[in-house]
C-alpha cells in the first residue's frame, strides 16, 4: 500500500497506513515515517501534511521541534 500524505507505513506490505501523530507530518505519498515540525511551527492534529507557523507577527512561538501548540510571548516581547 502506498500511503497518502499525512500517513506512513514503516514496513513494505502493510495492509493499513498509520496516521502521523500530533506535532508530526508527512508531505508526500509513500513515506516510511513522519517528520517532526520544526521550531516555530506546529501540527495540532493527526494526519498533517504540513506544519503551521505559530504567528506571522511574532507574538506566538514554540521553541521545540514536534510541537502541537504555540505559546504566547511575554508582554513587550516578540519571537525572532
Protein backbone atom coordinates (compact mmCIF):
# COMPACT_ATOMS: atom_id res chain seq x y z
CA UNK A 1 0.00 0.00 0.00
CA UNK A 2 1.33 3.43 -0.91
CA UNK A 3 0.18 5.67 1.91
CA UNK A 4 -1.25 9.13 1.32
CA UNK A 5 0.40 12.29 2.63
CA UNK A 6 -0.29 12.64 6.36
CA UNK A 7 0.19 8.91 6.88
CA UNK A 8 3.05 6.39 6.65
CA UNK A 9 3.91 2.69 6.55
CA UNK A 10 7.22 1.74 8.20
CA UNK A 11 7.25 -1.70 6.56
CA UNK A 12 6.57 -2.78 2.98
CA UNK A 13 3.39 -4.76 2.53
CA UNK A 14 1.49 -3.25 5.46
CA UNK A 15 -2.25 -3.53 4.92
CA UNK A 16 -3.04 -0.22 6.60
CA UNK A 17 -1.29 3.13 6.84
CA UNK A 18 -0.56 4.81 10.17
CA UNK A 19 -1.57 8.44 10.75
CA UNK A 20 1.15 10.91 11.63
CA UNK A 21 0.68 11.92 15.26
CA UNK A 22 0.26 15.48 16.54
CA UNK A 23 3.44 17.53 16.10
CA UNK A 24 4.46 15.43 13.08
CA UNK A 25 3.70 15.44 9.33
CA UNK A 26 4.38 13.75 6.01
CA UNK A 27 4.00 15.85 2.89
CA UNK A 28 4.28 13.15 0.21
CA UNK A 29 2.74 9.79 -0.63
CA UNK A 30 4.68 6.66 0.17
CA UNK A 31 6.52 7.82 3.30
CA UNK A 32 8.04 5.30 5.73
CA UNK A 33 7.95 7.76 8.66
CA UNK A 34 6.66 11.18 9.67
CA UNK A 35 8.85 14.21 10.36
CA UNK A 36 8.71 16.44 13.44
CA UNK A 37 7.53 20.01 12.86
CA UNK A 38 10.47 22.39 13.00
CA UNK A 39 10.88 25.04 15.69
CA UNK A 40 8.34 27.83 15.27
CA UNK A 41 5.74 25.54 13.61
CA UNK A 42 3.08 23.19 14.92
CA UNK A 43 0.72 20.41 13.85
CA UNK A 44 -2.15 20.14 16.32
CA UNK A 45 -3.98 17.27 14.62
CA UNK A 46 -3.18 13.80 13.36
CA UNK A 47 -2.59 13.12 9.64
CA UNK A 48 -0.98 16.52 9.00
CA UNK A 49 0.59 17.12 5.59
CA UNK A 50 2.36 20.32 6.72
CA UNK A 51 3.08 22.30 9.85
CA UNK A 52 1.62 25.73 10.53
CA UNK A 53 3.65 28.77 11.55
CA UNK A 54 2.90 29.91 15.09
CA UNK A 55 2.45 33.55 14.19
CA UNK A 56 3.43 35.78 11.31
CA UNK A 57 3.66 38.83 13.61
CA UNK A 58 5.98 37.19 16.15
CA UNK A 59 3.66 37.29 19.16
CA UNK A 60 3.38 33.48 19.48
CA UNK A 61 6.13 30.86 19.37
CA UNK A 62 7.33 27.34 20.04
CA UNK A 63 10.99 26.63 20.64
CA UNK A 64 10.68 22.85 20.41
CA UNK A 65 10.55 20.52 17.43
CA UNK A 66 7.45 18.33 17.20
CA UNK A 67 5.16 20.83 18.95
CA UNK A 68 1.38 20.69 18.95
CA UNK A 69 0.64 24.20 20.19
CA UNK A 70 2.13 27.68 20.24
CA UNK A 71 2.77 29.77 23.35
CA UNK A 72 2.20 33.49 23.74
CA UNK A 73 5.25 35.70 24.05
CA UNK A 74 5.63 37.75 27.21
CA UNK A 75 4.23 41.27 27.08
CA UNK A 76 6.55 43.59 25.09
CA UNK A 77 8.49 40.62 23.62
CA UNK A 78 8.39 39.10 20.14
CA UNK A 79 9.69 35.81 18.75
CA UNK A 80 12.52 36.48 16.31
